Amino acid sequence: MAHYIELEAVRTYATKANAIKAVEKKIGPNDMSDQTYFIAITEEGRYYPIFIGQRAIQAQLHFHFNVVG
């Protein structure tokens, strides 16, 4: 059975590079190896990161970005 999930962006960025910079600023470029995320695009053409998994929740990224488990 398929499950549909609709996300509302916590915060969006004008460019993909800006979204990546926001992620790196929050968790640091050296800590990126422990996290899995992708960049989604809104209908308006703005970008936002979505983190995947329990590690993102344990790192408390859900307070700043979208996280799916």
PDB file of N, CA and C in Angstrom:
ATOM      1  N   MET A   1       0.840  -1.186   0.000  1.00  0.00           N
ATOM      2  CA  MET A   1       0.000   0.000   0.000  1.00  0.00           C
ATOM      3  C   MET A   1       0.885   1.248   0.000  1.00  0.00           C
ATOM      4  N   ALA A   2       0.624   2.162  -0.877  1.00  0.00           N
ATOM      5  CA  ALA A   2       1.392   3.402  -0.969  1.00  0.00           C
ATOM      6  C   ALA A   2       0.883   4.418   0.047  1.00  0.00           C
ATOM      7  N   HIS A   3       1.810   5.202   0.563  1.00  0.00           N
ATOM      8  CA  HIS A   3       1.469   6.261   1.505  1.00  0.00           C
ATOM      9  C   HIS A   3       1.935   7.588   0.916  1.00  0.00           C
ATOM     10  N   TYR A   4       1.045   8.554   0.917  1.00  0.00           N
ATOM     11  CA  TYR A   4       1.336   9.868   0.363  1.00  0.00           C
ATOM     12  C   TYR A   4       1.761  10.801   1.490  1.00  0.00           C
ATOM     13  N   ILE A   5       2.861  11.506   1.289  1.00  0.00           N
ATOM     14  CA  ILE A   5       3.338  12.493   2.256  1.00  0.00           C
ATOM     15  C   ILE A   5       3.471  13.825   1.532  1.00  0.00           C
ATOM     16  N   GLU A   6       2.861  14.838   2.085  1.00  0.00           N
ATOM     17  CA  GLU A   6       3.001  16.187   1.531  1.00  0.00           C
ATOM     18  C   GLU A   6       3.741  17.045   2.542  1.00  0.00           C
ATOM     19  N   LEU A   7       4.808  17.675   2.104  1.00  0.00           N
ATOM     20  CA  LEU A   7       5.613  18.496   2.985  1.00  0.00           C
ATOM     21  C   LEU A   7       5.388  19.973   2.703  1.00  0.00           C
ATOM     22  N   GLU A   8       5.406  20.741   3.756  1.00  0.00           N
ATOM     23  CA  GLU A   8       5.424  22.193   3.629  1.00  0.00           C
ATOM     24  C   GLU A   8       6.804  22.638   4.069  1.00  0.00           C
ATOM     25  N   ALA A   9       7.489  23.371   3.246  1.00  0.00           N
ATOM     26  CA  ALA A   9       8.866  23.760   3.531  1.00  0.00           C
ATOM     27  C   ALA A   9       8.944  24.600   4.794  1.00  0.00           C
ATOM     28  N   VAL A  10       9.901  24.269   5.660  1.00  0.00           N
ATOM     29  CA  VAL A  10      10.145  25.050   6.866  1.00  0.00           C
ATOM     30  C   VAL A  10      10.688  26.419   6.477  1.00  0.00           C
ATOM     31  N   ARG A  11      11.659  26.410   5.577  1.00  0.00           N
ATOM     32  CA  ARG A  11      12.237  27.638   5.056  1.00  0.00           C
ATOM     33  C   ARG A  11      12.732  27.358   3.652  1.00  0.00           C
ATOM     34  N   THR A  12      12.591  28.319   2.751  1.00  0.00           N
ATOM     35  CA  THR A  12      13.045  28.127   1.376  1.00  0.00           C
ATOM     36  C   THR A  12      14.179  29.102   1.061  1.00  0.00           C
ATOM     37  N   TYR A  13      14.897  28.762  -0.005  1.00  0.00           N
ATOM     38  CA  TYR A  13      16.060  29.549  -0.409  1.00  0.00           C
ATOM     39  C   TYR A  13      15.964  29.843  -1.898  1.00  0.00           C
ATOM     40  N   ALA A  14      16.503  30.976  -2.316  1.00  0.00           N
ATOM     41  CA  ALA A  14      16.406  31.406  -3.710  1.00  0.00           C
ATOM     42  C   ALA A  14      17.180  30.504  -4.660  1.00  0.00           C
ATOM     43  N   THR A  15      18.294  29.934  -4.186  1.00  0.00           N
ATOM     44  CA  THR A  15      19.107  29.069  -5.046  1.00  0.00           C
ATOM     45  C   THR A  15      19.430  27.770  -4.310  1.00  0.00           C
ATOM     46  N   LYS A  16      19.789  26.759  -5.087  1.00  0.00           N
ATOM     47  CA  LYS A  16      20.202  25.488  -4.498  1.00  0.00           C
ATOM     48  C   LYS A  16      21.474  25.686  -3.682  1.00  0.00           C
ATOM     49  N   ALA A  17      22.365  26.516  -4.168  1.00  0.00           N
ATOM     50  CA  ALA A  17      23.612  26.785  -3.445  1.00  0.00           C
ATOM     51  C   ALA A  17      23.335  27.404  -2.072  1.00  0.00           C
ATOM     52  N   ASN A  18      22.354  28.294  -2.004  1.00  0.00           N
ATOM     53  CA  ASN A  18      22.007  28.901  -0.719  1.00  0.00           C
ATOM     54  C   ASN A  18      21.437  27.868   0.251  1.00  0.00           C
ATOM     55  N   ALA A  19      20.657  26.936  -0.254  1.00  0.00           N
ATOM     56  CA  ALA A  19      20.102  25.874   0.595  1.00  0.00           C
ATOM     57  C   ALA A  19      21.226  25.006   1.150  1.00  0.00           C
ATOM     58  N   ILE A  20      22.183  24.664   0.317  1.00  0.00           N
ATOM     59  CA  ILE A  20      23.317  23.854   0.758  1.00  0.00           C
ATOM     60  C   ILE A  20      24.157  24.618   1.777  1.00  0.00           C
ATOM     61  N   LYS A  21      24.368  25.903   1.550  1.00  0.00           N
ATOM     62  CA  LYS A  21      25.122  26.719   2.503  1.00  0.00           C
ATOM     63  C   LYS A  21      24.419  26.770   3.855  1.00  0.00           C
ATOM     64  N   ALA A  22      23.102  26.853   3.860  1.00  0.00           N
ATOM     65  CA  ALA A  22      22.345  26.876   5.116  1.00  0.00           C
ATOM     66  C   ALA A  22      22.534  25.572   5.881  1.00  0.00           C
ATOM     67  N   VAL A  23      22.532  24.461   5.156  1.00  0.00           N
ATOM     68  CA  VAL A  23      22.759  23.155   5.784  1.00  0.00           C
ATOM     69  C   VAL A  23      24.167  23.105   6.371  1.00  0.00           C
ATOM     70  N   GLU A  24      25.145  23.491   5.597  1.00  0.00           N
ATOM     71  CA  GLU A  24      26.532  23.447   6.062  1.00  0.00           C
ATOM     72  C   GLU A  24      26.752  24.371   7.257  1.00  0.00           C
ATOM     73  N   LYS A  25      26.079  25.509   7.254  1.00  0.00           N
ATOM     74  CA  LYS A  25      26.207  26.440   8.376  1.00  0.00           C
ATOM     75  C   LYS A  25      25.624  25.835   9.651  1.00  0.00           C
ATOM     76  N   LYS A  26      24.531  25.119   9.516  1.00  0.00           N
ATOM     77  CA  LYS A  26      23.867  24.565  10.692  1.00  0.00           C
ATOM     78  C   LYS A  26      24.587  23.339  11.238  1.00  0.00           C
ATOM     79  N   ILE A  27      25.038  22.439  10.373  1.00  0.00           N
ATOM     80  CA  ILE A  27      25.647  21.207  10.882  1.00  0.00           C
ATOM     81  C   ILE A  27      27.136  21.100  10.591  1.00  0.00           C
ATOM     82  N   GLY A  28      27.669  22.015   9.840  1.00  0.00           N
ATOM     83  CA  GLY A  28      29.104  22.014   9.567  1.00  0.00           C
ATOM     84  C   GLY A  28      29.475  21.062   8.440  1.00  0.00           C
ATOM     85  N   PRO A  29      30.369  21.468   7.560  1.00  0.00           N
ATOM     86  CA  PRO A  29      30.751  20.635   6.419  1.00  0.00           C
ATOM     87  C   PRO A  29      31.435  19.332   6.840  1.00  0.00           C
ATOM     88  N   ASN A  30      32.069  19.291   7.997  1.00  0.00           N
ATOM     89  CA  ASN A  30      32.745  18.078   8.445  1.00  0.00           C
ATOM     90  C   ASN A  30      31.771  17.026   8.967  1.00  0.00           C
ATOM     91  N   ASP A  31      30.564  17.425   9.364  1.00  0.00           N
ATOM     92  CA  ASP A  31      29.574  16.492   9.906  1.00  0.00           C
ATOM     93  C   ASP A  31      28.623  15.968   8.841  1.00  0.00           C
ATOM     94  N   MET A  32      28.809  16.339   7.582  1.00  0.00           N
ATOM     95  CA  MET A  32      27.878  15.973   6.520  1.00  0.00           C
ATOM     96  C   MET A  32      27.869  14.478   6.227  1.00  0.00           C
ATOM     97  N   SER A  33      28.928  13.753   6.552  1.00  0.00           N
ATOM     98  CA  SER A  33      28.992  12.339   6.206  1.00  0.00           C
ATOM     99  C   SER A  33      27.959  11.515   6.959  1.00  0.00           C
ATOM    100  N   ASP A  34      27.475  12.009   8.075  1.00  0.00           N
ATOM    101  CA  ASP A  34      26.488  11.274   8.870  1.00  0.00           C
ATOM    102  C   ASP A  34      25.057  11.550   8.442  1.00  0.00           C
ATOM    103  N   GLN A  35      24.842  12.476   7.535  1.00  0.00           N
ATOM    104  CA  GLN A  35      23.483  12.880   7.178  1.00  0.00           C
ATOM    105  C   GLN A  35      23.183  12.595   5.707  1.00  0.00           C
ATOM    106  N   THR A  36      21.925  12.241   5.459  1.00  0.00           N
ATOM    107  CA  THR A  36      21.453  12.054   4.094  1.00  0.00           C
ATOM    108  C   THR A  36      20.337  13.065   3.854  1.00  0.00           C
ATOM    109  N   TYR A  37      20.455  13.825   2.769  1.00  0.00           N
ATOM    110  CA  TYR A  37      19.415  14.797   2.446  1.00  0.00           C
ATOM    111  C   TYR A  37      19.370  15.034   0.946  1.00  0.00           C
ATOM    112  N   PHE A  38      18.260  15.613   0.521  1.00  0.00           N
ATOM    113  CA  PHE A  38      18.150  16.042  -0.870  1.00  0.00           C
ATOM    114  C   PHE A  38      17.525  17.424  -0.886  1.00  0.00           C
ATOM    115  N   ILE A  39      17.632  18.078  -2.020  1.00  0.00           N
ATOM    116  CA  ILE A  39      17.082  19.424  -2.183  1.00  0.00           C
ATOM    117  C   ILE A  39      15.822  19.324  -3.028  1.00  0.00           C
ATOM    118  N   ALA A  40      14.719  19.809  -2.490  1.00  0.00           N
ATOM    119  CA  ALA A  40      13.445  19.837  -3.208  1.00  0.00           C
ATOM    120  C   ALA A  40      13.201  21.256  -3.727  1.00  0.00           C
ATOM    121  N   ILE A  41      12.307  21.365  -4.686  1.00  0.00           N
ATOM    122  CA  ILE A  41      11.992  22.652  -5.300  1.00  0.00           C
ATOM    123  C   ILE A  41      10.490  22.903  -5.167  1.00  0.00           C
ATOM    124  N   THR A  42      10.129  24.094  -4.701  1.00  0.00           N
ATOM    125  CA  THR A  42       8.720  24.452  -4.587  1.00  0.00           C
ATOM    126  C   THR A  42       8.158  24.814  -5.962  1.00  0.00           C
ATOM    127  N   GLU A  43       6.863  24.953  -6.041  1.00  0.00           N
ATOM    128  CA  GLU A  43       6.223  25.358  -7.298  1.00  0.00           C
ATOM    129  C   GLU A  43       6.674  26.747  -7.728  1.00  0.00           C
ATOM    130  N   GLU A  44       7.108  27.552  -6.770  1.00  0.00           N
ATOM    131  CA  GLU A  44       7.575  28.908  -7.068  1.00  0.00           C
ATOM    132  C   GLU A  44       9.042  28.938  -7.481  1.00  0.00           C
ATOM    133  N   GLY A  45       9.692  27.766  -7.497  1.00  0.00           N
ATOM    134  CA  GLY A  45      11.085  27.695  -7.916  1.00  0.00           C
ATOM    135  C   GLY A  45      12.085  27.957  -6.807  1.00  0.00           C
ATOM    136  N   ARG A  46      11.650  27.834  -5.551  1.00  0.00           N
ATOM    137  CA  ARG A  46      12.565  28.007  -4.420  1.00  0.00           C
ATOM    138  C   ARG A  46      13.001  26.639  -3.902  1.00  0.00           C
ATOM    139  N   TYR A  47      14.125  26.600  -3.236  1.00  0.00           N
ATOM    140  CA  TYR A  47      14.754  25.339  -2.845  1.00  0.00           C
ATOM    141  C   TYR A  47      14.697  25.138  -1.331  1.00  0.00           C
ATOM    142  N   TYR A  48      14.609  23.861  -0.921  1.00  0.00           N
ATOM    143  CA  TYR A  48      14.682  23.554   0.507  1.00  0.00           C
ATOM    144  C   TYR A  48      15.190  22.132   0.718  1.00  0.00           C
ATOM    145  N   PRO A  49      16.013  21.956   1.773  1.00  0.00           N
ATOM    146  CA  PRO A  49      16.561  20.632   2.050  1.00  0.00           C
ATOM    147  C   PRO A  49      15.565  19.763   2.806  1.00  0.00           C
ATOM    148  N   ILE A  50      15.605  18.465   2.517  1.00  0.00           N
ATOM    149  CA  ILE A  50      14.819  17.475   3.247  1.00  0.00           C
ATOM    150  C   ILE A  50      15.793  16.389   3.696  1.00  0.00           C
ATOM    151  N   PHE A  51      15.909  16.217   4.994  1.00  0.00           N
ATOM    152  CA  PHE A  51      16.784  15.194   5.557  1.00  0.00           C
ATOM    153  C   PHE A  51      16.023  13.898   5.729  1.00  0.00           C
ATOM    154  N   ILE A  52      16.764  12.788   5.672  1.00  0.00           N
ATOM    155  CA  ILE A  52      16.167  11.462   5.742  1.00  0.00           C
ATOM    156  C   ILE A  52      16.777  10.703   6.913  1.00  0.00           C
ATOM    157  N   GLY A  53      15.916  10.127   7.745  1.00  0.00           N
ATOM    158  CA  GLY A  53      16.383   9.165   8.718  1.00  0.00           C
ATOM    159  C   GLY A  53      16.486   9.624  10.153  1.00  0.00           C
ATOM    160  N   GLN A  54      16.696   8.632  10.998  1.00  0.00           N
ATOM    161  CA  GLN A  54      16.775   8.826  12.443  1.00  0.00           C
ATOM    162  C   GLN A  54      17.986   9.669  12.848  1.00  0.00           C
ATOM    163  N   ARG A  55      19.082   9.557  12.111  1.00  0.00           N
ATOM    164  CA  ARG A  55      20.265  10.356  12.454  1.00  0.00           C
ATOM    165  C   ARG A  55      19.972  11.850  12.397  1.00  0.00           C
ATOM    166  N   ALA A  56      19.153  12.261  11.455  1.00  0.00           N
ATOM    167  CA  ALA A  56      18.792  13.683  11.355  1.00  0.00           C
ATOM    168  C   ALA A  56      17.950  14.115  12.549  1.00  0.00           C
ATOM    169  N   ILE A  57      17.076  13.242  12.999  1.00  0.00           N
ATOM    170  CA  ILE A  57      16.254  13.560  14.173  1.00  0.00           C
ATOM    171  C   ILE A  57      17.133  13.620  15.414  1.00  0.00           C
ATOM    172  N   GLN A  58      18.042  12.675  15.563  1.00  0.00           N
ATOM    173  CA  GLN A  58      18.944  12.677  16.715  1.00  0.00           C
ATOM    174  C   GLN A  58      19.836  13.912  16.724  1.00  0.00           C
ATOM    175  N   ALA A  59      20.186  14.413  15.554  1.00  0.00           N
ATOM    176  CA  ALA A  59      20.985  15.631  15.441  1.00  0.00           C
ATOM    177  C   ALA A  59      20.126  16.886  15.605  1.00  0.00           C
ATOM    178  N   GLN A  60      18.831  16.711  15.846  1.00  0.00           N
ATOM    179  CA  GLN A  60      17.851  17.783  16.063  1.00  0.00           C
ATOM    180  C   GLN A  60      17.707  18.709  14.864  1.00  0.00           C
ATOM    181  N   LEU A  61      17.908  18.158  13.684  1.00  0.00           N
ATOM    182  CA  LEU A  61      17.750  18.961  12.466  1.00  0.00           C
ATOM    183  C   LEU A  61      16.292  19.282  12.185  1.00  0.00           C
ATOM    184  N   HIS A  62      15.371  18.528  12.778  1.00  0.00           N
ATOM    185  CA  HIS A  62      13.942  18.783  12.565  1.00  0.00           C
ATOM    186  C   HIS A  62      13.510  20.139  13.140  1.00  0.00           C
ATOM    187  N   PHE A  63      14.337  20.754  13.974  1.00  0.00           N
ATOM    188  CA  PHE A  63      14.035  22.094  14.458  1.00  0.00           C
ATOM    189  C   PHE A  63      14.347  23.172  13.429  1.00  0.00           C
ATOM    190  N   HIS A  64      15.099  22.799  12.384  1.00  0.00           N
ATOM    191  CA  HIS A  64      15.541  23.782  11.394  1.00  0.00           C
ATOM    192  C   HIS A  64      15.150  23.451   9.961  1.00  0.00           C
ATOM    193  N   PHE A  65      15.020  22.160   9.660  1.00  0.00           N
ATOM    194  CA  PHE A  65      14.754  21.716   8.294  1.00  0.00           C
ATOM    195  C   PHE A  65      13.679  20.619   8.311  1.00  0.00           C
ATOM    196  N   ASN A  66      13.165  20.295   7.143  1.00  0.00           N
ATOM    197  CA  ASN A  66      12.247  19.171   7.020  1.00  0.00           C
ATOM    198  C   ASN A  66      13.019  17.869   7.189  1.00  0.00           C
ATOM    199  N   VAL A  67      12.416  16.924   7.912  1.00  0.00           N
ATOM    200  CA  VAL A  67      13.014  15.603   8.111  1.00  0.00           C
ATOM    201  C   VAL A  67      11.935  14.562   7.908  1.00  0.00           C
ATOM    202  N   VAL A  68      12.249  13.532   7.138  1.00  0.00           N
ATOM    203  CA  VAL A  68      11.354  12.377   6.981  1.00  0.00           C
ATOM    204  C   VAL A  68      12.082  11.155   7.495  1.00  0.00           C
ATOM    205  N   GLY A  69      11.322  10.250   8.091  1.00  0.00           N
ATOM    206  CA  GLY A  69      11.960   9.115   8.749  1.00  0.00           C
ATOM    207  C   GLY A  69      11.973   7.910   7.926  1.00  0.00           C
TER     208      GLY A  69
END
